[in-house]
Amino acid sequence: MELSGAQALVGQLERDGVRHVFGVPGVQLDHVLDALARARAAGGADRVHRRPA
């Protein structure tokens, strides 16, 4: 299975020990936010908050 760019980014953030990611949700970040949510479900990221600006 090939990794998407969003999955690769989230994997690197986890390896670097990043615990919080801040951003303004929108179409440009949907794939990243989805990858963060999947990582959380698999025991990765602590929290994923989706809230419009």
PDB file of N, CA and C in Angstrom:
ATOM      1  N   MET A   1       0.838  -1.179   0.000  1.00  0.00           N
ATOM      2  CA  MET A   1       0.000   0.000   0.000  1.00  0.00           C
ATOM      3  C   MET A   1       0.890   1.252   0.000  1.00  0.00           C
ATOM      4  N   GLU A   2       0.589   2.156  -0.879  1.00  0.00           N
ATOM      5  CA  GLU A   2       1.353   3.398  -0.941  1.00  0.00           C
ATOM      6  C   GLU A   2       0.812   4.404   0.066  1.00  0.00           C
ATOM      7  N   LEU A   3       1.719   5.188   0.626  1.00  0.00           N
ATOM      8  CA  LEU A   3       1.317   6.245   1.551  1.00  0.00           C
ATOM      9  C   LEU A   3       0.971   7.496   0.769  1.00  0.00           C
ATOM     10  N   SER A   4      -0.045   8.185   1.221  1.00  0.00           N
ATOM     11  CA  SER A   4      -0.355   9.500   0.651  1.00  0.00           C
ATOM     12  C   SER A   4       0.591  10.515   1.279  1.00  0.00           C
ATOM     13  N   GLY A   5       0.636  11.689   0.723  1.00  0.00           N
ATOM     14  CA  GLY A   5       1.462  12.746   1.309  1.00  0.00           C
ATOM     15  C   GLY A   5       1.021  13.075   2.722  1.00  0.00           C
ATOM     16  N   ALA A   6      -0.295  13.077   2.953  1.00  0.00           N
ATOM     17  CA  ALA A   6      -0.823  13.372   4.288  1.00  0.00           C
ATOM     18  C   ALA A   6      -0.403  12.297   5.292  1.00  0.00           C
ATOM     19  N   GLN A   7      -0.463  11.037   4.888  1.00  0.00           N
ATOM     20  CA  GLN A   7      -0.066   9.944   5.776  1.00  0.00           C
ATOM     21  C   GLN A   7       1.427  10.009   6.079  1.00  0.00           C
ATOM     22  N   ALA A   8       2.224  10.346   5.070  1.00  0.00           N
ATOM     23  CA  ALA A   8       3.666  10.479   5.287  1.00  0.00           C
ATOM     24  C   ALA A   8       3.958  11.615   6.255  1.00  0.00           C
ATOM     25  N   LEU A   9       3.249  12.732   6.106  1.00  0.00           N
ATOM     26  CA  LEU A   9       3.429  13.877   7.000  1.00  0.00           C
ATOM     27  C   LEU A   9       3.074  13.503   8.434  1.00  0.00           C
ATOM     28  N   VAL A  10       1.936  12.859   8.625  1.00  0.00           N
ATOM     29  CA  VAL A  10       1.504  12.468   9.970  1.00  0.00           C
ATOM     30  C   VAL A  10       2.492  11.466  10.575  1.00  0.00           C
ATOM     31  N   GLY A  11       2.974  10.534   9.773  1.00  0.00           N
ATOM     32  CA  GLY A  11       3.960   9.581  10.268  1.00  0.00           C
ATOM     33  C   GLY A  11       5.227  10.276  10.742  1.00  0.00           C
ATOM     34  N   GLN A  12       5.688  11.257   9.984  1.00  0.00           N
ATOM     35  CA  GLN A  12       6.891  11.994  10.382  1.00  0.00           C
ATOM     36  C   GLN A  12       6.639  12.812  11.644  1.00  0.00           C
ATOM     37  N   LEU A  13       5.483  13.428  11.741  1.00  0.00           N
ATOM     38  CA  LEU A  13       5.152  14.188  12.953  1.00  0.00           C
ATOM     39  C   LEU A  13       5.168  13.272  14.172  1.00  0.00           C
ATOM     40  N   GLU A  14       4.632  12.059  14.032  1.00  0.00           N
ATOM     41  CA  GLU A  14       4.639  11.108  15.142  1.00  0.00           C
ATOM     42  C   GLU A  14       6.061  10.703  15.510  1.00  0.00           C
ATOM     43  N   ARG A  15       6.884  10.420  14.500  1.00  0.00           N
ATOM     44  CA  ARG A  15       8.276  10.024  14.772  1.00  0.00           C
ATOM     45  C   ARG A  15       9.047  11.149  15.441  1.00  0.00           C
ATOM     46  N   ASP A  16       8.697  12.394  15.127  1.00  0.00           N
ATOM     47  CA  ASP A  16       9.362  13.550  15.735  1.00  0.00           C
ATOM     48  C   ASP A  16       8.793  13.898  17.115  1.00  0.00           C
ATOM     49  N   GLY A  17       7.770  13.176  17.546  1.00  0.00           N
ATOM     50  CA  GLY A  17       7.205  13.399  18.872  1.00  0.00           C
ATOM     51  C   GLY A  17       6.255  14.585  18.965  1.00  0.00           C
ATOM     52  N   VAL A  18       5.758  15.038  17.825  1.00  0.00           N
ATOM     53  CA  VAL A  18       4.817  16.165  17.827  1.00  0.00           C
ATOM     54  C   VAL A  18       3.509  15.695  18.447  1.00  0.00           C
ATOM     55  N   ARG A  19       3.029  16.435  19.436  1.00  0.00           N
ATOM     56  CA  ARG A  19       1.806  16.056  20.154  1.00  0.00           C
ATOM     57  C   ARG A  19       0.618  16.936  19.803  1.00  0.00           C
ATOM     58  N   HIS A  20       0.859  18.131  19.282  1.00  0.00           N
ATOM     59  CA  HIS A  20      -0.223  19.059  18.940  1.00  0.00           C
ATOM     60  C   HIS A  20       0.035  19.662  17.571  1.00  0.00           C
ATOM     61  N   VAL A  21      -1.016  19.753  16.791  1.00  0.00           N
ATOM     62  CA  VAL A  21      -0.945  20.383  15.471  1.00  0.00           C
ATOM     63  C   VAL A  21      -2.048  21.423  15.419  1.00  0.00           C
ATOM     64  N   PHE A  22      -1.683  22.632  15.060  1.00  0.00           N
ATOM     65  CA  PHE A  22      -2.643  23.720  14.978  1.00  0.00           C
ATOM     66  C   PHE A  22      -2.802  24.144  13.529  1.00  0.00           C
ATOM     67  N   GLY A  23      -3.994  24.500  13.153  1.00  0.00           N
ATOM     68  CA  GLY A  23      -4.243  24.971  11.801  1.00  0.00           C
ATOM     69  C   GLY A  23      -5.698  25.352  11.646  1.00  0.00           C
ATOM     70  N   VAL A  24      -6.006  25.968  10.555  1.00  0.00           N
ATOM     71  CA  VAL A  24      -7.382  26.342  10.242  1.00  0.00           C
ATOM     72  C   VAL A  24      -7.904  25.306   9.251  1.00  0.00           C
ATOM     73  N   PRO A  25      -8.911  24.523   9.661  1.00  0.00           N
ATOM     74  CA  PRO A  25      -9.409  23.489   8.767  1.00  0.00           C
ATOM     75  C   PRO A  25     -10.007  24.092   7.503  1.00  0.00           C
ATOM     76  N   GLY A  26      -9.829  23.393   6.445  1.00  0.00           N
ATOM     77  CA  GLY A  26     -10.376  23.803   5.159  1.00  0.00           C
ATOM     78  C   GLY A  26     -10.041  22.744   4.137  1.00  0.00           C
ATOM     79  N   VAL A  27     -10.488  22.955   2.941  1.00  0.00           N
ATOM     80  CA  VAL A  27     -10.298  21.976   1.878  1.00  0.00           C
ATOM     81  C   VAL A  27      -8.830  21.597   1.726  1.00  0.00           C
ATOM     82  N   GLN A  28      -7.926  22.543   1.873  1.00  0.00           N
ATOM     83  CA  GLN A  28      -6.502  22.273   1.681  1.00  0.00           C
ATOM     84  C   GLN A  28      -5.955  21.312   2.724  1.00  0.00           C
ATOM     85  N   LEU A  29      -6.527  21.273   3.911  1.00  0.00           N
ATOM     86  CA  LEU A  29      -6.006  20.422   4.987  1.00  0.00           C
ATOM     87  C   LEU A  29      -6.860  19.189   5.276  1.00  0.00           C
ATOM     88  N   ASP A  30      -7.924  18.975   4.514  1.00  0.00           N
ATOM     89  CA  ASP A  30      -8.817  17.851   4.794  1.00  0.00           C
ATOM     90  C   ASP A  30      -8.087  16.512   4.835  1.00  0.00           C
ATOM     91  N   HIS A  31      -7.191  16.269   3.895  1.00  0.00           N
ATOM     92  CA  HIS A  31      -6.485  14.989   3.858  1.00  0.00           C
ATOM     93  C   HIS A  31      -5.568  14.835   5.073  1.00  0.00           C
ATOM     94  N   VAL A  32      -4.945  15.922   5.499  1.00  0.00           N
ATOM     95  CA  VAL A  32      -4.072  15.872   6.675  1.00  0.00           C
ATOM     96  C   VAL A  32      -4.901  15.629   7.933  1.00  0.00           C
ATOM     97  N   LEU A  33      -6.018  16.322   8.061  1.00  0.00           N
ATOM     98  CA  LEU A  33      -6.868  16.130   9.241  1.00  0.00           C
ATOM     99  C   LEU A  33      -7.440  14.720   9.282  1.00  0.00           C
ATOM    100  N   ASP A  34      -7.802  14.179   8.134  1.00  0.00           N
ATOM    101  CA  ASP A  34      -8.286  12.793   8.084  1.00  0.00           C
ATOM    102  C   ASP A  34      -7.187  11.821   8.498  1.00  0.00           C
ATOM    103  N   ALA A  35      -5.958  12.055   8.023  1.00  0.00           N
ATOM    104  CA  ALA A  35      -4.833  11.182   8.398  1.00  0.00           C
ATOM    105  C   ALA A  35      -4.542  11.297   9.892  1.00  0.00           C
ATOM    106  N   LEU A  36      -4.656  12.493  10.451  1.00  0.00           N
ATOM    107  CA  LEU A  36      -4.465  12.667  11.894  1.00  0.00           C
ATOM    108  C   LEU A  36      -5.537  11.908  12.672  1.00  0.00           C
ATOM    109  N   ALA A  37      -6.774  11.978  12.210  1.00  0.00           N
ATOM    110  CA  ALA A  37      -7.868  11.273  12.889  1.00  0.00           C
ATOM    111  C   ALA A  37      -7.645   9.759  12.830  1.00  0.00           C
ATOM    112  N   ARG A  38      -7.194   9.246  11.678  1.00  0.00           N
ATOM    113  CA  ARG A  38      -6.919   7.807  11.568  1.00  0.00           C
ATOM    114  C   ARG A  38      -5.764   7.408  12.477  1.00  0.00           C
ATOM    115  N   ALA A  39      -4.754   8.252  12.574  1.00  0.00           N
ATOM    116  CA  ALA A  39      -3.629   7.960  13.464  1.00  0.00           C
ATOM    117  C   ALA A  39      -4.103   7.921  14.911  1.00  0.00           C
ATOM    118  N   ARG A  40      -4.987   8.816  15.250  1.00  0.00           N
ATOM    119  CA  ARG A  40      -5.530   8.844  16.616  1.00  0.00           C
ATOM    120  C   ARG A  40      -6.283   7.552  16.900  1.00  0.00           C
ATOM    121  N   ALA A  41      -7.092   7.106  15.952  1.00  0.00           N
ATOM    122  CA  ALA A  41      -7.863   5.874  16.136  1.00  0.00           C
ATOM    123  C   ALA A  41      -6.932   4.673  16.298  1.00  0.00           C
ATOM    124  N   ALA A  42      -5.730   4.761  15.722  1.00  0.00           N
ATOM    125  CA  ALA A  42      -4.758   3.666  15.821  1.00  0.00           C
ATOM    126  C   ALA A  42      -3.820   3.846  17.005  1.00  0.00           C
ATOM    127  N   GLY A  43      -4.118   4.826  17.876  1.00  0.00           N
ATOM    128  CA  GLY A  43      -3.297   5.024  19.071  1.00  0.00           C
ATOM    129  C   GLY A  43      -2.228   6.077  18.893  1.00  0.00           C
ATOM    130  N   GLY A  44      -2.318   6.876  17.829  1.00  0.00           N
ATOM    131  CA  GLY A  44      -1.310   7.899  17.561  1.00  0.00           C
ATOM    132  C   GLY A  44      -1.636   9.229  18.217  1.00  0.00           C
ATOM    133  N   ALA A  45      -1.964  10.211  17.424  1.00  0.00           N
ATOM    134  CA  ALA A  45      -2.170  11.586  17.888  1.00  0.00           C
ATOM    135  C   ALA A  45      -3.112  11.636  19.088  1.00  0.00           C
ATOM    136  N   ASP A  46      -2.815  12.528  20.027  1.00  0.00           N
ATOM    137  CA  ASP A  46      -3.636  12.675  21.227  1.00  0.00           C
ATOM    138  C   ASP A  46      -5.021  13.213  20.921  1.00  0.00           C
ATOM    139  N   ARG A  47      -5.056  14.310  20.214  1.00  0.00           N
ATOM    140  CA  ARG A  47      -6.323  14.987  19.967  1.00  0.00           C
ATOM    141  C   ARG A  47      -6.370  15.532  18.547  1.00  0.00           C
ATOM    142  N   VAL A  48      -7.544  15.435  17.978  1.00  0.00           N
ATOM    143  CA  VAL A  48      -7.788  16.054  16.683  1.00  0.00           C
ATOM    144  C   VAL A  48      -9.068  16.878  16.835  1.00  0.00           C
ATOM    145  N   HIS A  49      -8.933  18.181  16.724  1.00  0.00           N
ATOM    146  CA  HIS A  49     -10.092  19.067  16.836  1.00  0.00           C
ATOM    147  C   HIS A  49     -10.329  19.681  15.479  1.00  0.00           C
ATOM    148  N   ARG A  50     -11.551  19.617  15.020  1.00  0.00           N
ATOM    149  CA  ARG A  50     -11.936  20.257  13.770  1.00  0.00           C
ATOM    150  C   ARG A  50     -12.917  21.350  14.124  1.00  0.00           C
ATOM    151  N   ARG A  51     -12.490  22.569  13.918  1.00  0.00           N
ATOM    152  CA  ARG A  51     -13.370  23.690  14.234  1.00  0.00           C
ATOM    153  C   ARG A  51     -13.096  24.803  13.239  1.00  0.00           C
ATOM    154  N   PRO A  52     -14.111  25.269  12.556  1.00  0.00           N
ATOM    155  CA  PRO A  52     -13.886  26.350  11.590  1.00  0.00           C
ATOM    156  C   PRO A  52     -13.466  27.640  12.271  1.00  0.00           C
ATOM    157  N   ALA A  53     -12.789  28.480  11.514  1.00  0.00           N
ATOM    158  CA  ALA A  53     -12.324  29.757  12.049  1.00  0.00           C
ATOM    159  C   ALA A  53     -13.476  30.695  12.289  1.00  0.00           C
TER     160      ALA A  53
END
